[in-house]
N, C-alpha and C. Protein backbone atom coordinates (compact mmCIF):
# COMPACT_ATOMS: atom_id res chain seq x y z
N GLY A 1 0.78 -1.13 -0.10
CA GLY A 1 0.07 0.01 0.01
C GLY A 1 0.81 1.25 -0.03
N THR A 2 0.26 2.30 0.00
CA THR A 2 0.86 3.69 0.11
C THR A 2 1.19 4.15 1.43
N LEU A 3 2.31 4.60 1.78
CA LEU A 3 2.72 4.99 3.05
C LEU A 3 2.33 6.42 3.21
N PRO A 4 1.93 6.88 4.49
CA PRO A 4 1.65 8.26 4.68
C PRO A 4 3.04 8.98 4.67
N GLY A 5 2.97 10.22 4.67
CA GLY A 5 4.18 11.09 4.68
C GLY A 5 4.88 11.18 6.06
N ALA A 6 4.05 10.97 7.06
CA ALA A 6 4.57 10.99 8.42
C ALA A 6 3.63 10.12 9.36
N LEU A 7 4.29 9.61 10.37
CA LEU A 7 3.46 8.84 11.42
C LEU A 7 3.84 9.40 12.72
N VAL A 8 2.79 9.88 13.54
CA VAL A 8 3.00 10.46 14.78
C VAL A 8 2.42 9.40 15.86
N CYS A 9 3.24 8.77 16.66
CA CYS A 9 2.97 7.73 17.59
C CYS A 9 2.66 8.31 18.95
N ALA A 10 1.74 7.67 19.70
CA ALA A 10 1.32 8.11 20.99
C ALA A 10 2.48 7.87 22.07
N ASN A 11 3.40 7.08 21.76
CA ASN A 11 4.49 6.94 22.68
C ASN A 11 5.77 6.43 21.92
N ASP A 12 6.99 6.39 22.46
CA ASP A 12 8.12 6.11 21.83
C ASP A 12 8.31 4.62 21.49
N GLU A 13 7.82 3.82 22.47
CA GLU A 13 7.88 2.44 22.22
C GLU A 13 7.21 1.98 20.99
N THR A 14 6.03 2.58 20.73
CA THR A 14 5.26 2.28 19.46
C THR A 14 6.05 2.82 18.13
N ALA A 15 6.64 3.91 18.32
CA ALA A 15 7.43 4.48 17.27
C ALA A 15 8.60 3.69 17.01
N LEU A 16 9.22 3.19 17.98
CA LEU A 16 10.53 2.33 17.81
C LEU A 16 10.14 1.04 17.18
N GLY A 17 8.87 0.49 17.54
CA GLY A 17 8.51 -0.75 16.75
C GLY A 17 8.08 -0.45 15.37
N PHE A 18 7.59 0.66 15.09
CA PHE A 18 7.35 0.92 13.65
C PHE A 18 8.75 1.24 12.92
N LEU A 19 9.69 1.83 13.60
CA LEU A 19 10.97 2.04 12.95
C LEU A 19 11.64 0.63 12.58
N ASP A 20 11.47 -0.25 13.38
CA ASP A 20 12.00 -1.63 13.22
C ASP A 20 11.26 -2.13 11.93
N VAL A 21 9.95 -2.13 11.92
CA VAL A 21 9.17 -2.67 10.86
C VAL A 21 9.57 -1.97 9.51
N PHE A 22 9.53 -0.67 9.53
CA PHE A 22 9.90 0.01 8.37
C PHE A 22 11.28 -0.34 7.82
N THR A 23 12.28 -0.42 8.69
CA THR A 23 13.60 -0.71 8.36
C THR A 23 13.71 -2.09 7.74
N ALA A 24 13.06 -3.08 8.39
CA ALA A 24 13.02 -4.45 7.96
C ALA A 24 12.44 -4.63 6.63
N GLU A 25 11.50 -3.68 6.30
CA GLU A 25 10.76 -3.74 5.01
C GLU A 25 11.47 -2.96 3.90
N GLY A 26 12.66 -2.26 4.27
CA GLY A 26 13.36 -1.53 3.25
C GLY A 26 12.95 -0.13 3.08
N TYR A 27 12.17 0.40 3.97
CA TYR A 27 11.80 1.80 3.83
C TYR A 27 12.79 2.70 4.66
N ASP A 28 12.95 3.80 4.03
CA ASP A 28 13.97 4.79 4.62
C ASP A 28 13.17 5.74 5.61
N VAL A 29 13.62 5.77 6.71
CA VAL A 29 13.12 6.86 7.72
C VAL A 29 14.20 7.77 7.92
N PRO A 30 14.02 9.04 7.58
CA PRO A 30 12.83 9.75 7.25
C PRO A 30 12.53 9.98 5.77
N GLY A 31 13.31 9.37 4.81
CA GLY A 31 13.19 9.65 3.40
C GLY A 31 11.94 9.22 2.90
N ASP A 32 11.29 8.09 3.33
CA ASP A 32 10.12 7.61 2.82
C ASP A 32 8.89 7.94 3.70
N ILE A 33 9.23 7.99 4.97
CA ILE A 33 8.22 8.43 5.96
C ILE A 33 8.87 8.99 7.23
N ALA A 34 8.38 10.22 7.64
CA ALA A 34 8.87 10.81 8.89
C ALA A 34 8.23 10.11 10.16
N LEU A 35 8.85 10.02 11.26
CA LEU A 35 8.36 9.29 12.35
C LEU A 35 8.66 10.04 13.70
N THR A 36 7.60 10.19 14.46
CA THR A 36 7.79 10.72 15.87
C THR A 36 7.15 9.82 16.91
N GLY A 37 7.74 10.10 18.11
CA GLY A 37 7.13 9.48 19.31
C GLY A 37 6.70 10.36 20.36
N PHE A 38 6.52 9.95 21.52
CA PHE A 38 6.02 10.84 22.63
C PHE A 38 6.56 10.11 23.91
N ASP A 39 7.43 10.71 24.75
CA ASP A 39 7.80 10.21 26.02
C ASP A 39 9.26 10.64 26.25
N GLY A 40 10.13 10.47 25.32
CA GLY A 40 11.51 10.80 25.46
C GLY A 40 12.30 9.66 26.10
N VAL A 41 12.12 8.39 25.82
CA VAL A 41 12.78 7.30 26.42
C VAL A 41 14.23 7.20 25.90
N ASP A 42 14.99 6.69 26.63
CA ASP A 42 16.44 6.78 26.31
C ASP A 42 16.81 5.91 24.98
N ALA A 43 15.99 4.96 24.54
CA ALA A 43 16.27 4.20 23.36
C ALA A 43 16.05 5.09 22.04
N GLY A 44 15.25 6.22 22.27
CA GLY A 44 15.14 7.16 21.10
C GLY A 44 16.45 7.90 20.69
N ARG A 45 17.36 8.00 21.75
CA ARG A 45 18.65 8.64 21.48
C ARG A 45 19.67 7.86 20.79
N THR A 46 19.52 6.42 21.03
CA THR A 46 20.50 5.58 20.53
C THR A 46 20.18 4.75 19.22
N CYS A 47 18.88 4.86 18.75
CA CYS A 47 18.53 4.10 17.60
C CYS A 47 18.90 4.74 16.46
N SER A 48 18.80 4.11 15.28
CA SER A 48 19.15 4.79 13.99
C SER A 48 18.02 4.68 13.03
N PRO A 49 17.60 5.80 12.58
CA PRO A 49 17.89 7.17 12.94
C PRO A 49 17.37 7.46 14.33
N ARG A 50 18.03 8.42 14.97
CA ARG A 50 17.62 8.90 16.33
C ARG A 50 16.14 9.41 16.16
N LEU A 51 15.36 9.04 17.17
CA LEU A 51 13.86 9.32 17.14
C LEU A 51 13.49 10.72 17.56
N THR A 52 12.86 11.47 16.70
CA THR A 52 12.21 12.71 17.18
C THR A 52 11.06 12.34 18.17
N THR A 53 10.97 13.07 19.28
CA THR A 53 10.00 12.79 20.30
C THR A 53 9.61 14.07 21.00
N VAL A 54 8.54 13.95 21.80
CA VAL A 54 8.13 14.91 22.75
C VAL A 54 8.51 14.50 24.11
N GLU A 55 9.47 15.05 24.88
CA GLU A 55 9.99 14.61 26.13
C GLU A 55 9.13 15.02 27.35
N GLN A 56 8.70 14.09 28.05
CA GLN A 56 7.96 14.40 29.27
C GLN A 56 8.88 14.39 30.50
N PRO A 57 8.69 15.14 31.48
CA PRO A 57 9.50 15.02 32.76
C PRO A 57 9.03 13.87 33.66
N MET A 58 9.44 12.74 33.40
CA MET A 58 8.74 11.62 34.14
C MET A 58 8.76 11.69 35.59
N ALA A 59 10.05 12.12 36.19
CA ALA A 59 10.14 12.22 37.58
C ALA A 59 9.19 13.17 38.14
N ASP A 60 9.04 14.28 37.41
CA ASP A 60 8.11 15.40 37.84
C ASP A 60 6.59 14.87 37.83
N LEU A 61 6.27 14.10 36.79
CA LEU A 61 4.94 13.52 36.63
C LEU A 61 4.65 12.69 37.85
N GLY A 62 5.60 11.83 38.23
CA GLY A 62 5.44 10.90 39.38
C GLY A 62 5.20 11.74 40.67
N ARG A 63 6.03 12.79 40.86
CA ARG A 63 5.85 13.66 42.05
C ARG A 63 4.41 14.33 42.04
N LEU A 64 4.04 14.83 40.91
CA LEU A 64 2.80 15.50 40.76
C LEU A 64 1.63 14.49 41.15
N ALA A 65 1.70 13.33 40.55
CA ALA A 65 0.77 12.18 40.85
C ALA A 65 0.67 11.86 42.41
N VAL A 66 1.77 11.75 43.05
CA VAL A 66 1.84 11.54 44.46
C VAL A 66 1.22 12.71 45.20
N ASP A 67 1.54 14.00 44.85
CA ASP A 67 0.99 15.07 45.52
C ASP A 67 -0.55 15.15 45.39
N VAL A 68 -1.13 14.85 44.17
CA VAL A 68 -2.64 14.86 44.02
C VAL A 68 -3.15 13.76 44.85
N LEU A 69 -2.60 12.60 44.79
CA LEU A 69 -3.14 11.52 45.59
C LEU A 69 -3.20 11.74 47.07
N ARG A 70 -2.03 12.35 47.66
CA ARG A 70 -2.00 12.66 49.06
C ARG A 70 -3.13 13.63 49.30
N ALA A 71 -3.29 14.60 48.53
CA ALA A 71 -4.29 15.66 48.83
C ALA A 71 -5.80 15.06 48.75
N CYS A 72 -5.96 14.17 47.85
CA CYS A 72 -7.23 13.49 47.71
C CYS A 72 -7.62 12.57 48.89
N LEU A 73 -6.54 11.90 49.42
CA LEU A 73 -6.67 11.07 50.55
C LEU A 73 -6.96 11.84 51.83
N ALA A 74 -6.16 13.04 51.94
CA ALA A 74 -6.42 13.80 53.08
C ALA A 74 -7.87 14.55 53.10
N ASP A 75 -8.45 14.80 51.91
CA ASP A 75 -9.71 15.39 51.88
C ASP A 75 -10.35 14.84 50.67
N PRO A 76 -11.17 13.78 50.68
CA PRO A 76 -11.84 13.20 49.52
C PRO A 76 -12.76 14.25 48.89
N ARG A 77 -13.18 15.31 49.60
CA ARG A 77 -14.31 16.27 49.06
C ARG A 77 -13.49 17.35 48.15
N LEU A 78 -12.23 17.28 48.04
CA LEU A 78 -11.58 18.30 47.26
C LEU A 78 -12.05 18.25 45.72
N PRO A 79 -12.18 19.41 45.21
CA PRO A 79 -12.63 19.39 43.75
C PRO A 79 -11.48 18.77 42.87
N ARG A 80 -11.85 18.41 41.76
CA ARG A 80 -10.78 17.84 40.80
C ARG A 80 -9.65 18.76 40.68
N GLN A 81 -8.49 18.32 40.54
CA GLN A 81 -7.25 19.15 40.34
C GLN A 81 -6.70 18.90 38.95
N GLU A 82 -6.22 19.89 38.31
CA GLU A 82 -5.49 19.77 37.00
C GLU A 82 -4.05 20.33 37.21
N ARG A 83 -3.14 19.49 36.82
CA ARG A 83 -1.79 20.00 36.86
C ARG A 83 -1.16 19.72 35.51
N VAL A 84 -0.27 20.66 35.06
CA VAL A 84 0.32 20.64 33.77
C VAL A 84 1.86 20.51 33.94
N ALA A 85 2.44 19.61 33.36
CA ALA A 85 3.91 19.44 33.36
C ALA A 85 4.43 19.97 31.98
N PRO A 86 5.51 20.69 32.03
CA PRO A 86 6.01 21.19 30.78
C PRO A 86 6.69 19.97 29.88
N VAL A 87 6.54 20.13 28.63
CA VAL A 87 7.19 19.02 27.74
C VAL A 87 8.07 19.84 26.71
N ARG A 88 8.95 19.18 26.05
CA ARG A 88 9.75 19.79 24.94
C ARG A 88 9.94 18.90 23.82
N VAL A 89 9.94 19.43 22.67
CA VAL A 89 10.15 18.66 21.40
C VAL A 89 11.58 18.56 21.14
N LEU A 90 11.94 17.16 21.04
CA LEU A 90 13.37 16.96 20.72
C LEU A 90 13.46 16.52 19.27
N LEU A 91 13.87 17.50 18.31
CA LEU A 91 13.88 17.20 16.89
C LEU A 91 15.23 16.39 16.63
N ARG A 92 14.97 15.29 16.13
CA ARG A 92 16.14 14.36 15.86
C ARG A 92 16.04 13.87 14.34
N ASP A 93 16.78 12.91 14.00
CA ASP A 93 16.90 12.47 12.57
C ASP A 93 15.60 11.79 11.98
N SER A 94 14.72 11.25 12.81
CA SER A 94 13.60 10.55 12.17
C SER A 94 12.72 11.34 11.52
N CYS A 95 12.81 12.59 11.61
CA CYS A 95 11.78 13.60 10.84
C CYS A 95 12.47 14.27 9.70
N GLY A 96 13.63 13.97 9.52
CA GLY A 96 14.43 14.59 8.39
C GLY A 96 15.07 15.94 8.71
N PRO A 97 15.41 16.69 7.83
CA PRO A 97 16.11 18.03 8.06
C PRO A 97 14.98 18.96 8.71
N HIS A 98 15.52 19.73 9.68
CA HIS A 98 14.77 20.61 10.40
C HIS A 98 15.47 21.90 10.71
């Protein structure tokens, strides 16, 4: 079939799986298809081509989750809380020239 021009994956593990499949099938990433992930796992820095991703601050997310859980346990009547952690785009080789 016809490949899309780009594939944006919900996480890096999925993107790395697609990278393996595309490479095994003889497709060039990013020449034939650009590929991105989300999470910022270490394997994305060492694969070839290096994976473009959106990096999340995993340790900060864990701390935020614990803080919210503690607050909910201390007072179950608390209104729903929303917390936002910063992310950053790591442009690497899997998306081609940038």
